[in-house]
Each structure stands twice: as C-alpha cells, then as structure tokens.
Amino acid sequence: MKKKVLPSPPAIRPIRHIPFPEVEQVKLSNGLVCYHTNMGTQELMRIEYVAWAGRPYERHPLVARATASLLKEGTLHRSGAEIAEHFDYYGASMHSSFQLDTGNLSLYSLNKHLPAVLPMFIEVLCEPAYHDADLQAYIRRKQHSMLEDLSKADVLAYRQITAAFFGEEHPYGYNSTAAAYQLLNTDWLKEHHRRCFHAQNGFVLISGRFDDATLEQVHTALLRIPPGSPVEPVDMQISASTPEYIHIPHAHALQSAIRMGQPFFHVPTRMRMDFTY
C-alpha cells in the first residue's frame, strides 16, 4: 500500500505588522466621548453605549448587574413587549450586557431604519422604568439559576478563588447569594442608573459603514443623553492573603475542578480606564 504523504504545514514567521482599523474620537457638547470605526461593506451600524457602572461603582451588592440587565424591560412610556416589537419590526436588535466594570447597551440596525430606532434606543438608555414586578421576576430567575450553578464544581471553584484573591468584601471578590438577591429593590436600581448612566460617565463605540450625514444623525440622537459627573469607584484595596490550599468537598459532583493562580498585575486602589486615540 502506498504511504500517504501529508502536506507540509505553513512556515512559522514572526508577526511584523498588525493592521488596526482607524479610530476617530469626537467629544459631543454634552460631554459624551464617541469613537468611530468606519469600515465594512454593508449599510448598517453598531452603536454601543458603555457606562462605568459595574461592581466598583455600586453601593449595594448585585445592583450593578441588575440595573444593566433590566434596562430593556420597559421605560416610563412603553412596556418591554412594545420595545421588543418595535425593534423586531425594523429588523434591528438591542442588547444589554454587564461586565465587572461596565454596564452596556448596544444597538444593531440598518442605516435606513436609524430614524425609527434611535429614539427608542435613547429612551431605553435614559428612561428605564424598573418596575417592581420585573425586578421580582429577575430575582426569581437569578436565584433559580444560582442554585443550578452551585451544583457545578467549576462554578464553586471560580467563586472560591476570586474570594481568596480579592477578599469577600472586594467588588471583584464577593459572591452572589440568594439573600443578596432578595434584598434588591427598585430604589437602589434607579439610584445607580441616575448616578452612572449619563454622558460624562461613559463613552460610545460606533462601527459599521456610514456617511457623514448618518453619523451626524447618530450624534444628534446621542445629545439627548443627559450630562452628569464622572463616578469614582469605591476603594479597590485588595486584602492581604497568604498562599493556601483549599478543598471543597462535593459528593454528588460529576467531575472535579481545579483552579490555580497568584496575583500578577498590580491593581491600584482606585482604578478607572480612559481611552485616547
């Protein structure tokens, strides 16, 4: 039998140049900083508002996540169902997300439908209702999913190692509990939104293919975001810890999970990132 000859792999060469897209920075009159990347082949845009509204900026545990997660559940003028139906009609989509440091709201739309969907996007961002019924439904969902997660070895290991690294009271180190979810109330969410979601405590990322007129249209809509004052994070001091071995028995786990690590980068006690291009 003739032996099959495998093709030779491509040669390994050093990376000499990484082409990054050109980014333009503009500051609007309300203090909002916008970053533009004009590229692509389709007449559509992605607009993402990023607020410094994550854990380091909350005054109560789990408020930052809940505030970002419930942005789309209704405004002072429309229900969540009406909002979803409006975006579906125009083939657009809107997504809210939470990161440890930020709360984000993004919009994807064809350029021709921006006049119809941009006002709704700004309304969702600036005028969320935070109804108690929506919050209670959110609490039940999170408590239920947390019970499922706590049966997984990898989740338990992750929760333990972050608490060991940062400390159980640190914004990056505390873990969610059913009791902490139950304490959430709409007043906390409204206060966090009012303090963190405004023009001078975040920035906007705009990408896609667009002309000057379309970009001006987006800027005009973004001017409706009210100005405010930048929010300083809470004390980010990390509790001193010593190397240790931690074993968590889990009799009914289907598999084991191992997490190893050590502090590497120095984290300042008060941290905030700013971008300049």
C-alpha atoms as a PDB file:
ATOM      1  CA  MET A   1       0.000   0.000   0.000  1.00  0.00           C
ATOM      2  CA  LYS A   2       1.325   3.386  -0.954  1.00  0.00           C
ATOM      3  CA  LYS A   3       2.049   5.557   2.058  1.00  0.00           C
ATOM      4  CA  LYS A   4       0.027   8.757   2.163  1.00  0.00           C
ATOM      5  CA  VAL A   5       2.155  11.884   2.248  1.00  0.00           C
ATOM      6  CA  LEU A   6       0.746  14.626   4.426  1.00  0.00           C
ATOM      7  CA  PRO A   7       1.100  18.215   3.226  1.00  0.00           C
ATOM      8  CA  SER A   8       3.736  20.332   4.923  1.00  0.00           C
ATOM      9  CA  PRO A   9       2.457  22.886   7.431  1.00  0.00           C
ATOM     10  CA  PRO A  10       2.897  26.566   6.616  1.00  0.00           C
ATOM     11  CA  ALA A  11       6.140  28.152   7.690  1.00  0.00           C
ATOM     12  CA  ILE A  12       6.217  29.909  11.038  1.00  0.00           C
ATOM     13  CA  ARG A  13       7.120  33.566  10.678  1.00  0.00           C
ATOM     14  CA  PRO A  14       7.286  36.415  13.192  1.00  0.00           C
ATOM     15  CA  ILE A  15       4.420  38.900  13.221  1.00  0.00           C
ATOM     16  CA  ARG A  16       5.795  42.124  11.774  1.00  0.00           C
ATOM     17  CA  HIS A  17       2.673  44.231  11.376  1.00  0.00           C
ATOM     18  CA  ILE A  18      -0.867  44.143  12.776  1.00  0.00           C
ATOM     19  CA  PRO A  19      -3.235  46.409  10.818  1.00  0.00           C
ATOM     20  CA  PHE A  20      -5.594  48.104  13.250  1.00  0.00           C
ATOM     21  CA  PRO A  21      -8.646  49.991  11.958  1.00  0.00           C
ATOM     22  CA  GLU A  22      -8.514  53.762  12.114  1.00  0.00           C
ATOM     23  CA  VAL A  23     -10.449  55.154  15.059  1.00  0.00           C
ATOM     24  CA  GLU A  24     -11.753  58.699  15.227  1.00  0.00           C
ATOM     25  CA  GLN A  25     -12.544  60.326  18.569  1.00  0.00           C
ATOM     26  CA  VAL A  26     -15.184  63.046  18.959  1.00  0.00           C
ATOM     27  CA  LYS A  27     -16.478  64.702  22.117  1.00  0.00           C
ATOM     28  CA  LEU A  28     -20.066  65.937  21.925  1.00  0.00           C
ATOM     29  CA  SER A  29     -21.363  69.084  23.592  1.00  0.00           C
ATOM     30  CA  ASN A  30     -22.973  67.082  26.435  1.00  0.00           C
ATOM     31  CA  GLY A  31     -19.551  65.656  27.331  1.00  0.00           C
ATOM     32  CA  LEU A  32     -20.085  62.245  25.733  1.00  0.00           C
ATOM     33  CA  VAL A  33     -16.992  60.815  24.002  1.00  0.00           C
ATOM     34  CA  CYS A  34     -17.629  58.831  20.791  1.00  0.00           C
ATOM     35  CA  TYR A  35     -15.216  56.511  18.992  1.00  0.00           C
ATOM     36  CA  HIS A  36     -15.910  55.836  15.289  1.00  0.00           C
ATOM     37  CA  THR A  37     -14.672  52.981  13.118  1.00  0.00           C
ATOM     38  CA  ASN A  38     -15.971  53.373   9.564  1.00  0.00           C
ATOM     39  CA  MET A  39     -15.422  50.129   7.701  1.00  0.00           C
ATOM     40  CA  GLY A  40     -17.315  47.206   6.235  1.00  0.00           C
ATOM     41  CA  THR A  41     -19.393  46.534   3.147  1.00  0.00           C
ATOM     42  CA  GLN A  42     -22.999  46.730   4.378  1.00  0.00           C
ATOM     43  CA  GLU A  43     -25.056  49.827   5.152  1.00  0.00           C
ATOM     44  CA  LEU A  44     -25.548  49.053   8.812  1.00  0.00           C
ATOM     45  CA  MET A  45     -24.269  50.297  12.160  1.00  0.00           C
ATOM     46  CA  ARG A  46     -23.474  49.054  15.616  1.00  0.00           C
ATOM     47  CA  ILE A  47     -23.835  51.634  18.381  1.00  0.00           C
ATOM     48  CA  GLU A  48     -22.787  50.687  21.904  1.00  0.00           C
ATOM     49  CA  TYR A  49     -23.037  52.881  24.973  1.00  0.00           C
ATOM     50  CA  VAL A  50     -20.612  51.835  27.719  1.00  0.00           C
ATOM     51  CA  ALA A  51     -21.098  53.220  31.231  1.00  0.00           C
ATOM     52  CA  TRP A  52     -18.676  52.989  34.141  1.00  0.00           C
ATOM     53  CA  ALA A  53     -21.420  51.300  36.130  1.00  0.00           C
ATOM     54  CA  GLY A  54     -20.035  47.916  37.167  1.00  0.00           C
ATOM     55  CA  ARG A  55     -19.246  46.497  40.582  1.00  0.00           C
ATOM     56  CA  PRO A  56     -16.644  49.117  41.589  1.00  0.00           C
ATOM     57  CA  TYR A  57     -19.323  51.820  41.260  1.00  0.00           C
ATOM     58  CA  GLU A  58     -22.269  50.182  43.050  1.00  0.00           C
ATOM     59  CA  ARG A  59     -23.359  50.990  46.592  1.00  0.00           C
ATOM     60  CA  HIS A  60     -25.062  47.641  47.256  1.00  0.00           C
ATOM     61  CA  PRO A  61     -24.086  44.128  46.121  1.00  0.00           C
ATOM     62  CA  LEU A  62     -25.566  42.921  42.813  1.00  0.00           C
ATOM     63  CA  VAL A  63     -27.136  46.316  41.996  1.00  0.00           C
ATOM     64  CA  ALA A  64     -24.858  46.939  39.015  1.00  0.00           C
ATOM     65  CA  ARG A  65     -25.767  43.666  37.309  1.00  0.00           C
ATOM     66  CA  ALA A  66     -29.492  44.082  37.963  1.00  0.00           C
ATOM     67  CA  THR A  67     -29.512  47.688  36.721  1.00  0.00           C
ATOM     68  CA  ALA A  68     -27.897  46.745  33.411  1.00  0.00           C
ATOM     69  CA  SER A  69     -29.921  43.557  32.981  1.00  0.00           C
ATOM     70  CA  LEU A  70     -33.313  45.267  33.409  1.00  0.00           C
ATOM     71  CA  LEU A  71     -32.668  48.227  31.102  1.00  0.00           C
ATOM     72  CA  LYS A  72     -34.776  46.710  28.305  1.00  0.00           C
ATOM     73  CA  GLU A  73     -37.704  45.609  30.483  1.00  0.00           C
ATOM     74  CA  GLY A  74     -39.667  48.811  29.994  1.00  0.00           C
ATOM     75  CA  THR A  75     -39.423  52.594  30.032  1.00  0.00           C
ATOM     76  CA  LEU A  76     -41.525  55.308  31.601  1.00  0.00           C
ATOM     77  CA  HIS A  77     -43.647  55.301  28.424  1.00  0.00           C
ATOM     78  CA  ARG A  78     -43.517  51.763  26.972  1.00  0.00           C
ATOM     79  CA  SER A  79     -43.543  48.173  28.133  1.00  0.00           C
ATOM     80  CA  GLY A  80     -40.775  45.724  27.415  1.00  0.00           C
ATOM     81  CA  ALA A  81     -43.027  43.911  24.921  1.00  0.00           C
ATOM     82  CA  GLU A  82     -43.681  47.134  22.999  1.00  0.00           C
ATOM     83  CA  ILE A  83     -39.961  47.863  22.868  1.00  0.00           C
ATOM     84  CA  ALA A  84     -39.115  44.383  21.577  1.00  0.00           C
ATOM     85  CA  GLU A  85     -41.879  44.548  18.960  1.00  0.00           C
ATOM     86  CA  HIS A  86     -40.649  47.940  17.732  1.00  0.00           C
ATOM     87  CA  PHE A  87     -37.100  46.727  17.123  1.00  0.00           C
ATOM     88  CA  ASP A  88     -38.297  43.469  15.550  1.00  0.00           C
ATOM     89  CA  TYR A  89     -40.486  45.393  13.091  1.00  0.00           C
ATOM     90  CA  TYR A  90     -37.452  47.248  11.740  1.00  0.00           C
ATOM     91  CA  GLY A  91     -35.145  44.232  11.777  1.00  0.00           C
ATOM     92  CA  ALA A  92     -32.992  45.869  14.436  1.00  0.00           C
ATOM     93  CA  SER A  93     -31.757  44.381  17.691  1.00  0.00           C
ATOM     94  CA  MET A  94     -30.810  45.796  21.058  1.00  0.00           C
ATOM     95  CA  HIS A  95     -28.757  44.051  23.733  1.00  0.00           C
ATOM     96  CA  SER A  96     -27.888  44.957  27.305  1.00  0.00           C
ATOM     97  CA  SER A  97     -24.898  43.382  28.995  1.00  0.00           C
ATOM     98  CA  PHE A  98     -22.985  43.598  32.243  1.00  0.00           C
ATOM     99  CA  GLN A  99     -19.230  43.415  32.754  1.00  0.00           C
ATOM    100  CA  LEU A 100     -17.392  43.661  36.055  1.00  0.00           C
ATOM    101  CA  ASP A 101     -16.563  47.331  35.402  1.00  0.00           C
ATOM    102  CA  THR A 102     -19.251  48.462  32.950  1.00  0.00           C
ATOM    103  CA  GLY A 103     -22.914  48.308  32.010  1.00  0.00           C
ATOM    104  CA  ASN A 104     -23.502  48.290  28.242  1.00  0.00           C
ATOM    105  CA  LEU A 105     -26.397  48.849  25.850  1.00  0.00           C
ATOM    106  CA  SER A 106     -25.864  48.150  22.143  1.00  0.00           C
ATOM    107  CA  LEU A 107     -27.945  48.653  19.008  1.00  0.00           C
ATOM    108  CA  TYR A 108     -27.624  46.926  15.616  1.00  0.00           C
ATOM    109  CA  SER A 109     -29.588  48.467  12.746  1.00  0.00           C
ATOM    110  CA  LEU A 110     -29.637  49.123   9.030  1.00  0.00           C
ATOM    111  CA  ASN A 111     -28.769  52.751   8.391  1.00  0.00           C
ATOM    112  CA  LYS A 112     -32.080  53.429   6.657  1.00  0.00           C
ATOM    113  CA  HIS A 113     -34.015  52.495   9.822  1.00  0.00           C
ATOM    114  CA  LEU A 114     -31.969  54.624  12.239  1.00  0.00           C
ATOM    115  CA  PRO A 115     -34.542  57.473  12.302  1.00  0.00           C
ATOM    116  CA  ALA A 116     -37.100  54.979  13.648  1.00  0.00           C
ATOM    117  CA  VAL A 117     -34.970  53.018  16.121  1.00  0.00           C
ATOM    118  CA  LEU A 118     -32.525  55.602  17.508  1.00  0.00           C
ATOM    119  CA  PRO A 119     -35.154  57.495  19.564  1.00  0.00           C
ATOM    120  CA  MET A 120     -36.285  54.225  21.172  1.00  0.00           C
ATOM    121  CA  PHE A 121     -32.675  53.267  21.921  1.00  0.00           C
ATOM    122  CA  ILE A 122     -32.101  56.593  23.701  1.00  0.00           C
ATOM    123  CA  GLU A 123     -35.389  56.229  25.588  1.00  0.00           C
ATOM    124  CA  VAL A 124     -34.404  52.776  26.860  1.00  0.00           C
ATOM    125  CA  LEU A 125     -30.996  54.079  27.911  1.00  0.00           C
ATOM    126  CA  CYS A 126     -32.189  57.251  29.627  1.00  0.00           C
ATOM    127  CA  GLU A 127     -35.694  56.458  30.938  1.00  0.00           C
ATOM    128  CA  PRO A 128     -35.911  52.862  32.220  1.00  0.00           C
ATOM    129  CA  ALA A 129     -38.903  52.265  34.472  1.00  0.00           C
ATOM    130  CA  TYR A 130     -37.536  49.497  36.724  1.00  0.00           C
ATOM    131  CA  HIS A 131     -40.949  48.165  37.687  1.00  0.00           C
ATOM    132  CA  ASP A 132     -41.051  46.072  40.838  1.00  0.00           C
ATOM    133  CA  ALA A 133     -42.745  43.170  39.013  1.00  0.00           C
ATOM    134  CA  ASP A 134     -39.841  42.977  36.548  1.00  0.00           C
ATOM    135  CA  LEU A 135     -37.312  43.092  39.379  1.00  0.00           C
ATOM    136  CA  GLN A 136     -39.070  40.311  41.306  1.00  0.00           C
ATOM    137  CA  ALA A 137     -39.137  38.127  38.182  1.00  0.00           C
ATOM    138  CA  TYR A 138     -35.427  38.823  37.678  1.00  0.00           C
ATOM    139  CA  ILE A 139     -34.673  37.886  41.307  1.00  0.00           C
ATOM    140  CA  ARG A 140     -36.525  34.572  40.951  1.00  0.00           C
ATOM    141  CA  ARG A 141     -34.664  33.744  37.729  1.00  0.00           C
ATOM    142  CA  LYS A 142     -31.263  34.537  39.202  1.00  0.00           C
ATOM    143  CA  GLN A 143     -31.925  32.621  42.428  1.00  0.00           C
ATOM    144  CA  HIS A 144     -33.037  29.582  40.454  1.00  0.00           C
ATOM    145  CA  SER A 145     -30.065  29.683  38.074  1.00  0.00           C
ATOM    146  CA  MET A 146     -27.703  30.213  41.010  1.00  0.00           C
ATOM    147  CA  LEU A 147     -28.956  27.035  42.679  1.00  0.00           C
ATOM    148  CA  GLU A 148     -28.207  25.142  39.477  1.00  0.00           C
ATOM    149  CA  ASP A 149     -24.777  26.764  39.142  1.00  0.00           C
ATOM    150  CA  LEU A 150     -23.813  25.860  42.704  1.00  0.00           C
ATOM    151  CA  SER A 151     -24.118  22.189  41.799  1.00  0.00           C
ATOM    152  CA  LYS A 152     -21.249  22.605  39.304  1.00  0.00           C
ATOM    153  CA  ALA A 153     -17.713  22.105  40.538  1.00  0.00           C
ATOM    154  CA  ASP A 154     -16.188  24.687  38.181  1.00  0.00           C
ATOM    155  CA  VAL A 155     -18.553  27.395  39.433  1.00  0.00           C
ATOM    156  CA  LEU A 156     -17.729  26.642  43.068  1.00  0.00           C
ATOM    157  CA  ALA A 157     -14.012  26.720  42.287  1.00  0.00           C
ATOM    158  CA  TYR A 158     -14.278  30.061  40.494  1.00  0.00           C
ATOM    159  CA  ARG A 159     -16.269  31.635  43.335  1.00  0.00           C
ATOM    160  CA  GLN A 160     -13.739  30.407  45.894  1.00  0.00           C
ATOM    161  CA  ILE A 161     -10.611  31.562  44.073  1.00  0.00           C
ATOM    162  CA  THR A 162     -11.913  35.088  43.396  1.00  0.00           C
ATOM    163  CA  ALA A 163     -12.912  35.481  47.042  1.00  0.00           C
ATOM    164  CA  ALA A 164      -9.474  34.224  48.111  1.00  0.00           C
ATOM    165  CA  PHE A 165      -7.620  36.587  45.775  1.00  0.00           C
ATOM    166  CA  PHE A 166      -9.549  39.795  46.382  1.00  0.00           C
ATOM    167  CA  GLY A 167     -11.372  39.330  49.671  1.00  0.00           C
ATOM    168  CA  GLU A 168     -15.061  38.642  50.275  1.00  0.00           C
ATOM    169  CA  GLU A 169     -15.901  42.355  50.553  1.00  0.00           C
ATOM    170  CA  HIS A 170     -13.996  43.447  47.436  1.00  0.00           C
ATOM    171  CA  PRO A 171     -16.067  44.376  44.338  1.00  0.00           C
ATOM    172  CA  TYR A 172     -14.289  41.637  42.374  1.00  0.00           C
ATOM    173  CA  GLY A 173     -14.315  39.130  45.222  1.00  0.00           C
ATOM    174  CA  TYR A 174     -17.801  38.984  46.692  1.00  0.00           C
ATOM    175  CA  ASN A 175     -20.141  36.216  45.557  1.00  0.00           C
ATOM    176  CA  SER A 176     -23.843  36.356  44.822  1.00  0.00           C
ATOM    177  CA  THR A 177     -26.240  34.729  47.276  1.00  0.00           C
ATOM    178  CA  ALA A 178     -29.989  34.146  47.333  1.00  0.00           C
ATOM    179  CA  ALA A 179     -30.266  36.511  50.308  1.00  0.00           C
ATOM    180  CA  ALA A 180     -28.379  39.290  48.499  1.00  0.00           C
ATOM    181  CA  TYR A 181     -30.714  38.995  45.511  1.00  0.00           C
ATOM    182  CA  GLN A 182     -33.729  39.172  47.809  1.00  0.00           C
ATOM    183  CA  LEU A 183     -32.518  42.493  49.243  1.00  0.00           C
ATOM    184  CA  LEU A 184     -32.571  44.231  45.838  1.00  0.00           C
ATOM    185  CA  ASN A 185     -35.178  46.943  45.379  1.00  0.00           C
ATOM    186  CA  THR A 186     -36.129  49.334  42.603  1.00  0.00           C
ATOM    187  CA  ASP A 187     -34.945  52.407  44.523  1.00  0.00           C
ATOM    188  CA  TRP A 188     -31.387  51.038  44.522  1.00  0.00           C
ATOM    189  CA  LEU A 189     -31.555  50.358  40.770  1.00  0.00           C
ATOM    190  CA  LYS A 190     -32.943  53.808  39.944  1.00  0.00           C
ATOM    191  CA  GLU A 191     -30.283  55.498  42.070  1.00  0.00           C
ATOM    192  CA  HIS A 192     -27.493  53.505  40.417  1.00  0.00           C
ATOM    193  CA  HIS A 193     -28.835  54.307  36.947  1.00  0.00           C
ATOM    194  CA  ARG A 194     -29.224  58.014  37.707  1.00  0.00           C
ATOM    195  CA  ARG A 195     -25.700  58.228  39.102  1.00  0.00           C
ATOM    196  CA  CYS A 196     -23.875  56.144  36.471  1.00  0.00           C
ATOM    197  CA  PHE A 197     -25.743  56.151  33.147  1.00  0.00           C
ATOM    198  CA  HIS A 198     -25.150  59.580  31.668  1.00  0.00           C
ATOM    199  CA  ALA A 199     -22.977  61.361  29.128  1.00  0.00           C
ATOM    200  CA  GLN A 200     -19.928  62.052  31.284  1.00  0.00           C
ATOM    201  CA  ASN A 201     -19.637  58.645  32.908  1.00  0.00           C
ATOM    202  CA  GLY A 202     -19.182  56.541  29.787  1.00  0.00           C
ATOM    203  CA  PHE A 203     -18.492  56.552  26.082  1.00  0.00           C
ATOM    204  CA  VAL A 204     -19.995  55.309  22.808  1.00  0.00           C
ATOM    205  CA  LEU A 205     -18.495  52.955  20.229  1.00  0.00           C
ATOM    206  CA  ILE A 206     -19.829  53.426  16.678  1.00  0.00           C
ATOM    207  CA  SER A 207     -18.869  50.997  13.928  1.00  0.00           C
ATOM    208  CA  GLY A 208     -20.129  49.929  10.537  1.00  0.00           C
ATOM    209  CA  ARG A 209     -20.383  51.627   7.173  1.00  0.00           C
ATOM    210  CA  PHE A 210     -21.824  55.128   7.260  1.00  0.00           C
ATOM    211  CA  ASP A 211     -21.540  58.544   5.655  1.00  0.00           C
ATOM    212  CA  ASP A 212     -21.213  61.932   7.351  1.00  0.00           C
ATOM    213  CA  ALA A 213     -24.948  62.595   7.302  1.00  0.00           C
ATOM    214  CA  THR A 214     -25.715  59.292   9.042  1.00  0.00           C
ATOM    215  CA  LEU A 215     -23.033  59.910  11.646  1.00  0.00           C
ATOM    216  CA  GLU A 216     -24.411  63.383  12.317  1.00  0.00           C
ATOM    217  CA  GLN A 217     -27.831  61.813  12.810  1.00  0.00           C
ATOM    218  CA  VAL A 218     -26.411  59.476  15.429  1.00  0.00           C
ATOM    219  CA  HIS A 219     -24.588  62.314  17.199  1.00  0.00           C
ATOM    220  CA  THR A 220     -27.802  64.357  17.336  1.00  0.00           C
ATOM    221  CA  ALA A 221     -29.626  61.464  18.991  1.00  0.00           C
ATOM    222  CA  LEU A 222     -26.798  60.902  21.489  1.00  0.00           C
ATOM    223  CA  LEU A 223     -27.028  64.534  22.578  1.00  0.00           C
ATOM    224  CA  ARG A 224     -30.270  63.560  24.331  1.00  0.00           C
ATOM    225  CA  ILE A 225     -28.231  61.631  26.907  1.00  0.00           C
ATOM    226  CA  PRO A 226     -28.102  63.962  29.919  1.00  0.00           C
ATOM    227  CA  PRO A 227     -24.753  65.247  31.210  1.00  0.00           C
ATOM    228  CA  GLY A 228     -23.520  64.484  34.697  1.00  0.00           C
ATOM    229  CA  SER A 229     -20.382  63.986  36.728  1.00  0.00           C
ATOM    230  CA  PRO A 230     -17.919  61.084  36.447  1.00  0.00           C
ATOM    231  CA  VAL A 231     -18.438  58.490  39.168  1.00  0.00           C
ATOM    232  CA  GLU A 232     -15.399  57.489  41.189  1.00  0.00           C
ATOM    233  CA  PRO A 233     -15.062  53.787  42.067  1.00  0.00           C
ATOM    234  CA  VAL A 234     -15.089  52.604  45.637  1.00  0.00           C
ATOM    235  CA  ASP A 235     -11.873  51.687  47.418  1.00  0.00           C
ATOM    236  CA  MET A 236     -10.295  48.835  45.441  1.00  0.00           C
ATOM    237  CA  GLN A 237      -7.729  47.866  48.071  1.00  0.00           C
ATOM    238  CA  ILE A 238      -7.079  44.122  47.942  1.00  0.00           C
ATOM    239  CA  SER A 239      -6.987  42.285  51.243  1.00  0.00           C
ATOM    240  CA  ALA A 240      -3.623  40.676  52.019  1.00  0.00           C
ATOM    241  CA  SER A 241      -3.722  36.918  51.520  1.00  0.00           C
ATOM    242  CA  THR A 242      -1.291  34.064  52.012  1.00  0.00           C
ATOM    243  CA  PRO A 243      -0.844  31.059  49.703  1.00  0.00           C
ATOM    244  CA  GLU A 244      -3.145  28.241  50.682  1.00  0.00           C
ATOM    245  CA  TYR A 245      -4.703  25.013  49.516  1.00  0.00           C
ATOM    246  CA  ILE A 246      -8.494  24.958  49.626  1.00  0.00           C
ATOM    247  CA  HIS A 247     -10.504  21.785  49.180  1.00  0.00           C
ATOM    248  CA  ILE A 248     -14.282  21.920  48.708  1.00  0.00           C
ATOM    249  CA  PRO A 249     -15.963  18.503  49.113  1.00  0.00           C
ATOM    250  CA  HIS A 250     -18.747  17.915  46.583  1.00  0.00           C
ATOM    251  CA  ALA A 251     -20.107  14.403  46.983  1.00  0.00           C
ATOM    252  CA  HIS A 252     -22.558  14.496  44.074  1.00  0.00           C
ATOM    253  CA  ALA A 253     -20.387  16.305  41.528  1.00  0.00           C
ATOM    254  CA  LEU A 254     -19.902  14.520  38.191  1.00  0.00           C
ATOM    255  CA  GLN A 255     -16.345  15.831  37.885  1.00  0.00           C
ATOM    256  CA  SER A 256     -13.700  17.767  39.776  1.00  0.00           C
ATOM    257  CA  ALA A 257     -12.498  21.304  39.059  1.00  0.00           C
ATOM    258  CA  ILE A 258      -9.096  22.775  39.839  1.00  0.00           C
ATOM    259  CA  ARG A 259      -8.215  26.456  39.932  1.00  0.00           C
ATOM    260  CA  MET A 260      -4.658  27.680  40.461  1.00  0.00           C
ATOM    261  CA  GLY A 261      -3.251  31.169  40.350  1.00  0.00           C
ATOM    262  CA  GLN A 262      -1.479  34.030  42.030  1.00  0.00           C
ATOM    263  CA  PRO A 263      -1.721  37.826  41.993  1.00  0.00           C
ATOM    264  CA  PHE A 264       0.161  39.123  38.970  1.00  0.00           C
ATOM    265  CA  PHE A 265      -0.598  42.669  37.862  1.00  0.00           C
ATOM    266  CA  HIS A 266      -0.660  45.439  40.430  1.00  0.00           C
ATOM    267  CA  VAL A 267      -4.204  46.733  40.828  1.00  0.00           C
ATOM    268  CA  PRO A 268      -4.417  50.347  42.039  1.00  0.00           C
ATOM    269  CA  THR A 269      -6.693  51.108  44.948  1.00  0.00           C
ATOM    270  CA  ARG A 270      -8.800  53.421  42.785  1.00  0.00           C
ATOM    271  CA  MET A 271      -8.985  52.312  39.191  1.00  0.00           C
ATOM    272  CA  ARG A 272     -10.550  53.839  36.106  1.00  0.00           C
ATOM    273  CA  MET A 273      -9.609  53.428  32.454  1.00  0.00           C
ATOM    274  CA  ASP A 274      -9.698  56.259  29.936  1.00  0.00           C
ATOM    275  CA  PHE A 275      -9.039  55.947  26.217  1.00  0.00           C
ATOM    276  CA  THR A 276      -7.396  58.464  23.929  1.00  0.00           C
ATOM    277  CA  TYR A 277      -6.720  57.971  20.232  1.00  0.00           C
END
